[in-house]
Every structure is written in structure tokens, then in C-alpha cells.
N, C-alpha and C. Protein backbone atom coordinates (compact mmCIF):
# COMPACT_ATOMS: atom_id res chain seq x y z
N UNK A 1 1.35 12.31 -19.67
CA UNK A 1 1.73 12.29 -18.13
C UNK A 1 2.52 11.15 -17.92
N UNK A 2 3.95 11.54 -17.12
CA UNK A 2 4.90 10.09 -17.07
C UNK A 2 3.94 9.81 -16.22
N UNK A 3 4.63 7.84 -16.00
CA UNK A 3 3.63 6.99 -15.02
C UNK A 3 4.60 7.46 -13.53
N UNK A 4 3.67 7.43 -12.98
CA UNK A 4 4.05 7.43 -11.64
C UNK A 4 4.66 6.15 -10.63
N UNK A 5 5.70 5.90 -10.07
CA UNK A 5 5.92 4.70 -9.45
C UNK A 5 5.40 4.63 -8.11
N UNK A 6 4.89 3.34 -7.45
CA UNK A 6 5.08 3.71 -6.32
C UNK A 6 5.74 2.24 -5.86
N UNK A 7 6.23 2.52 -5.32
CA UNK A 7 7.28 1.16 -4.41
C UNK A 7 6.94 1.02 -2.90
N UNK A 8 8.16 0.14 -2.70
CA UNK A 8 7.77 -0.66 -1.20
C UNK A 8 8.42 0.65 -0.01
N UNK A 9 9.22 0.98 -0.08
CA UNK A 9 9.30 2.32 0.65
C UNK A 9 8.43 3.60 0.61
N UNK A 10 7.51 3.38 -0.56
CA UNK A 10 6.62 4.46 -0.41
C UNK A 10 5.22 3.84 0.38
N UNK A 11 5.27 2.72 0.90
CA UNK A 11 4.17 2.16 0.99
C UNK A 11 4.56 2.59 2.43
N UNK A 12 5.54 1.49 2.91
CA UNK A 12 6.50 1.20 4.45
C UNK A 12 6.22 3.25 5.07
N UNK A 13 6.63 3.94 4.14
CA UNK A 13 6.65 5.13 5.04
C UNK A 13 5.12 5.74 5.29
N UNK A 14 4.04 5.23 3.94
CA UNK A 14 2.60 5.58 4.61
C UNK A 14 2.06 4.31 5.31
N UNK A 15 2.59 3.14 5.53
CA UNK A 15 2.49 2.90 6.79
C UNK A 15 2.49 2.95 7.88
N UNK A 16 3.85 3.66 8.40
CA UNK A 16 4.77 3.92 9.56
C UNK A 16 3.68 5.43 9.55
N UNK A 17 2.93 6.25 9.06
CA UNK A 17 2.43 7.31 9.24
C UNK A 17 1.34 6.97 9.94
N UNK A 18 0.43 5.87 8.91
CA UNK A 18 -1.14 5.91 9.14
C UNK A 18 -1.01 4.89 10.23
N UNK A 19 -0.22 4.36 10.96
CA UNK A 19 -0.41 3.25 11.64
C UNK A 19 0.60 2.79 12.92
N UNK A 20 1.53 3.34 11.78
CA UNK A 20 2.78 2.71 13.12
C UNK A 20 3.15 1.65 12.26
N UNK A 21 4.41 1.24 13.72
CA UNK A 21 4.65 -0.25 13.62
C UNK A 21 4.58 -0.78 14.93
N UNK A 22 4.68 -1.86 14.49
CA UNK A 22 3.50 -3.27 15.05
C UNK A 22 5.02 -3.66 16.18
N UNK A 23 4.67 -3.57 17.62
CA UNK A 23 5.12 -3.84 18.48
C UNK A 23 5.81 -5.19 18.20
N UNK A 24 7.51 -5.34 18.37
CA UNK A 24 8.12 -6.62 17.97
C UNK A 24 8.12 -7.21 16.37
N UNK A 25 7.23 -6.11 16.18
CA UNK A 25 7.73 -5.60 13.85
C UNK A 25 8.93 -4.63 13.42
N UNK A 26 9.17 -5.13 13.01
CA UNK A 26 10.15 -4.91 11.69
C UNK A 26 9.87 -4.23 10.08
N UNK A 27 9.96 -3.30 9.84
CA UNK A 27 9.01 -2.95 8.04
C UNK A 27 10.44 -3.20 7.36
N UNK A 28 11.82 -3.05 8.17
CA UNK A 28 13.34 -3.13 7.41
C UNK A 28 13.35 -4.32 7.23
N UNK A 29 14.23 -4.76 6.08
CA UNK A 29 14.37 -6.10 5.88
C UNK A 29 13.30 -6.32 4.64
N UNK A 30 13.28 -7.87 4.08
CA UNK A 30 12.65 -8.08 3.18
C UNK A 30 11.01 -9.07 3.58
N UNK A 31 10.66 -7.84 3.31
CA UNK A 31 9.20 -7.61 3.71
C UNK A 31 7.81 -7.96 2.91
N UNK A 32 8.34 -8.03 1.48
CA UNK A 32 7.70 -7.83 0.58
C UNK A 32 6.44 -8.88 0.29
N UNK A 33 6.65 -10.16 0.39
CA UNK A 33 5.77 -11.24 0.48
C UNK A 33 5.45 -11.61 2.37
N UNK A 34 5.53 -10.64 2.92
CA UNK A 34 5.21 -11.06 4.67
C UNK A 34 3.71 -10.55 4.55
N UNK A 35 2.97 -11.45 5.06
CA UNK A 35 1.38 -11.44 5.54
C UNK A 35 1.39 -9.81 6.31
N UNK A 36 0.44 -8.83 5.69
CA UNK A 36 0.32 -7.99 6.51
C UNK A 36 -0.34 -8.11 7.77
N UNK A 37 -1.08 -9.16 7.98
CA UNK A 37 -0.87 -9.79 9.49
C UNK A 37 -0.19 -9.89 10.38
N UNK A 38 0.75 -10.36 10.11
CA UNK A 38 2.20 -10.72 10.86
C UNK A 38 2.67 -9.64 10.74
N UNK A 39 2.50 -8.48 9.76
CA UNK A 39 3.33 -7.37 10.20
C UNK A 39 3.00 -6.53 11.16
N UNK A 40 1.49 -7.09 11.26
CA UNK A 40 1.19 -6.25 12.70
C UNK A 40 -0.26 -5.57 12.03
N UNK A 41 -0.50 -5.37 10.79
CA UNK A 41 -1.31 -4.51 10.01
C UNK A 41 -2.44 -5.83 9.81
N UNK A 42 -3.97 -4.98 10.29
CA UNK A 42 -5.22 -5.19 10.25
C UNK A 42 -5.85 -4.81 9.11
N UNK A 43 -7.35 -5.16 8.62
CA UNK A 43 -8.24 -4.60 7.90
C UNK A 43 -8.27 -2.77 8.05
N UNK A 44 -9.04 -2.15 9.36
CA UNK A 44 -8.74 -1.07 9.78
C UNK A 44 -7.39 -0.19 9.29
N UNK A 45 -6.42 -1.05 9.22
CA UNK A 45 -4.96 -0.30 9.10
C UNK A 45 -4.89 -0.14 7.86
N UNK A 46 -5.17 -1.41 6.85
CA UNK A 46 -5.06 -1.19 5.50
C UNK A 46 -5.93 -0.47 5.10
N UNK A 47 -7.45 -0.28 4.92
CA UNK A 47 -8.20 0.70 4.95
C UNK A 47 -7.80 2.40 5.04
N UNK A 48 -7.09 2.42 6.12
CA UNK A 48 -6.84 3.93 6.86
C UNK A 48 -4.90 4.27 5.66
N UNK A 49 -4.48 3.19 5.18
CA UNK A 49 -3.24 3.24 4.46
C UNK A 49 -3.62 3.52 3.25
N UNK A 50 -4.77 2.33 2.60
CA UNK A 50 -5.35 2.93 1.26
C UNK A 50 -5.75 3.99 1.11
N UNK A 51 -6.60 5.10 2.48
CA UNK A 51 -7.32 6.43 2.18
C UNK A 51 -6.05 7.14 1.99
N UNK A 52 -4.75 7.29 2.81
CA UNK A 52 -3.58 8.24 2.40
C UNK A 52 -2.72 7.52 1.09
N UNK A 53 -2.57 6.53 0.33
CA UNK A 53 -2.62 6.18 -0.30
C UNK A 53 -3.57 7.10 -1.92
N UNK A 54 -4.57 6.91 -1.62
CA UNK A 54 -5.72 7.62 -2.49
C UNK A 54 -5.65 9.43 -2.54
N UNK A 55 -4.84 9.51 -1.43
CA UNK A 55 -5.39 11.09 -1.14
C UNK A 55 -3.83 11.61 -2.11
N UNK A 56 -2.73 11.25 -1.47
CA UNK A 56 -1.27 11.27 -2.23
C UNK A 56 -1.33 10.86 -3.65
N UNK A 57 -1.53 10.36 -4.16
CA UNK A 57 -1.34 9.84 -5.61
C UNK A 57 -2.56 9.87 -6.32
N UNK A 58 -3.73 10.78 -5.74
CA UNK A 58 -4.90 10.87 -6.51
C UNK A 58 -5.41 9.80 -7.34
N UNK A 59 -5.72 8.87 -6.85
CA UNK A 59 -6.40 7.60 -7.50
C UNK A 59 -7.57 6.99 -6.52
N UNK A 60 -7.78 5.97 -6.72
CA UNK A 60 -9.29 5.73 -6.06
C UNK A 60 -9.09 3.65 -5.95
N UNK A 61 -9.19 3.72 -5.21
CA UNK A 61 -8.71 2.12 -4.46
C UNK A 61 -10.24 1.44 -4.20
N UNK A 62 -10.20 0.56 -4.93
CA UNK A 62 -11.35 -0.78 -3.98
C UNK A 62 -11.36 -0.88 -2.80
N UNK A 63 -12.32 -1.23 -1.77
CA UNK A 63 -11.88 -1.49 -0.42
C UNK A 63 -12.02 -3.00 -0.44
N UNK A 64 -11.96 -3.68 -1.67
CA UNK A 64 -11.93 -4.82 -1.72
C UNK A 64 -10.51 -5.18 -2.22
N UNK A 65 -9.75 -4.19 -3.41
CA UNK A 65 -8.50 -4.37 -3.87
C UNK A 65 -7.67 -4.47 -2.34
N UNK A 66 -8.16 -3.39 -1.37
CA UNK A 66 -7.03 -3.79 -0.36
C UNK A 66 -7.72 -4.66 0.14
N UNK A 67 -8.26 -5.04 0.58
CA UNK A 67 -8.70 -6.47 1.35
C UNK A 67 -8.10 -7.50 1.53
N UNK A 68 -7.96 -7.70 -0.37
CA UNK A 68 -7.39 -8.65 -1.20
C UNK A 68 -6.05 -8.85 -1.17
N UNK A 69 -5.19 -7.51 -0.98
CA UNK A 69 -3.73 -7.39 -0.95
C UNK A 69 -3.34 -8.29 0.47
N UNK A 70 -2.80 -9.50 0.56
CA UNK A 70 -2.45 -9.92 1.44
C UNK A 70 -0.78 -9.86 2.05
N UNK A 71 0.29 -8.93 1.41
CA UNK A 71 1.29 -8.51 1.26
C UNK A 71 1.37 -7.59 0.60
N UNK A 72 2.79 -6.62 1.23
CA UNK A 72 2.64 -5.58 0.01
C UNK A 72 3.28 -5.78 -0.98
N UNK A 73 3.63 -6.86 -1.44
CA UNK A 73 3.63 -7.00 -3.05
C UNK A 73 3.00 -6.99 -3.71
N UNK A 74 1.60 -7.51 -2.91
CA UNK A 74 0.11 -7.53 -3.87
C UNK A 74 -0.27 -5.73 -3.64
N UNK A 75 -0.06 -5.33 -2.45
CA UNK A 75 -0.30 -3.75 -2.70
C UNK A 75 0.42 -2.72 -3.21
N UNK A 76 1.34 -3.40 -3.76
CA UNK A 76 2.19 -2.36 -4.44
C UNK A 76 1.90 -2.28 -5.54
N UNK A 77 1.33 -3.82 -6.18
CA UNK A 77 1.58 -4.23 -8.17
C UNK A 77 -0.15 -3.59 -8.22
N UNK A 78 -1.40 -3.75 -6.75
CA UNK A 78 -2.37 -2.73 -7.23
C UNK A 78 -1.89 -1.82 -7.76
N UNK A 79 -1.39 -1.01 -6.26
CA UNK A 79 -1.03 0.45 -6.56
C UNK A 79 -0.60 1.11 -8.05
N UNK A 80 0.49 0.22 -8.52
CA UNK A 80 0.62 0.39 -9.75
C UNK A 80 0.11 0.55 -10.88
N UNK A 81 -0.66 -1.03 -10.95
CA UNK A 81 -2.00 -0.99 -11.44
C UNK A 81 -2.64 0.02 -11.94
N UNK A 82 -2.85 0.67 -11.07
CA UNK A 82 -3.91 1.76 -10.96
C UNK A 82 -3.26 3.14 -11.36
N UNK A 83 -2.17 3.68 -10.97
CA UNK A 83 -1.05 4.75 -11.48
C UNK A 83 -0.84 4.50 -12.69
N UNK A 84 -1.29 3.28 -13.25
CA UNK A 84 -0.84 2.76 -14.76
C UNK A 84 -1.95 3.27 -15.82
N UNK A 85 -3.08 3.04 -15.26
CA UNK A 85 -4.17 3.26 -16.16
C UNK A 85 -4.51 4.56 -15.97
N UNK A 86 -3.87 5.40 -15.01
CA UNK A 86 -5.10 7.13 -14.85
C UNK A 86 -3.60 7.69 -15.60
N UNK A 87 -2.10 6.94 -16.06
CA UNK A 87 -1.72 7.77 -16.71
C UNK A 87 -1.76 7.40 -18.14
N UNK A 88 -2.59 6.06 -18.89
CA UNK A 88 -3.01 5.87 -20.03
C UNK A 88 -4.56 6.55 -20.54
N UNK A 89 -4.96 7.23 -19.08
CA UNK A 89 -6.31 7.41 -19.90
C UNK A 89 -5.64 8.84 -19.97
N UNK A 90 -4.37 9.47 -19.06
CA UNK A 90 -4.78 11.36 -19.32
C UNK A 90 -3.98 11.33 -20.68
């Protein structure tokens, strides 16, 4: 099974689909290390995002992983770690 890669663009798309874009905040530009809170996404929006990622990529993410990911980079890394584990198990 080929390893599927989750990118910042994938995360941006899912964030916009699930929670929209915060007022006065843009997801364009270098946001990899910007706190989700500064981007206008709080825990409920991140849980929704996690659910969408799970359904789209057929993986299970721990709620704690979602709440511990403070930045887009951390969440992308967590998702890619799960995707890699799934690919190795297949």
C-alpha cells in the first residue's frame, strides 16, 4: 500500500470546510507554526477537523492528539505518523 501524505494544503481545505476562516485571519501564507488559537480555531473546531480527517483518510486520531497539536505543523505530523503506521500494517 502506498503511503498517503497529508499536507498543509489538505489541512487548510479541511479547516475551511469544517469551521470556515476566522474573521481577520487568513490561512494563506506561512501558518505552519502559528498557534491554532491565533488562527481562530479552538478545541471544538479542531475536534471537527479531526473527525473530517479520520473519515477522509480512514484513520483514528486520539482526542488527546488533537488537543495537544498546537500548530498546523504538529497536526500534519500527527496525521502523517498515523498514515505511515497504517501503510506499514497493510
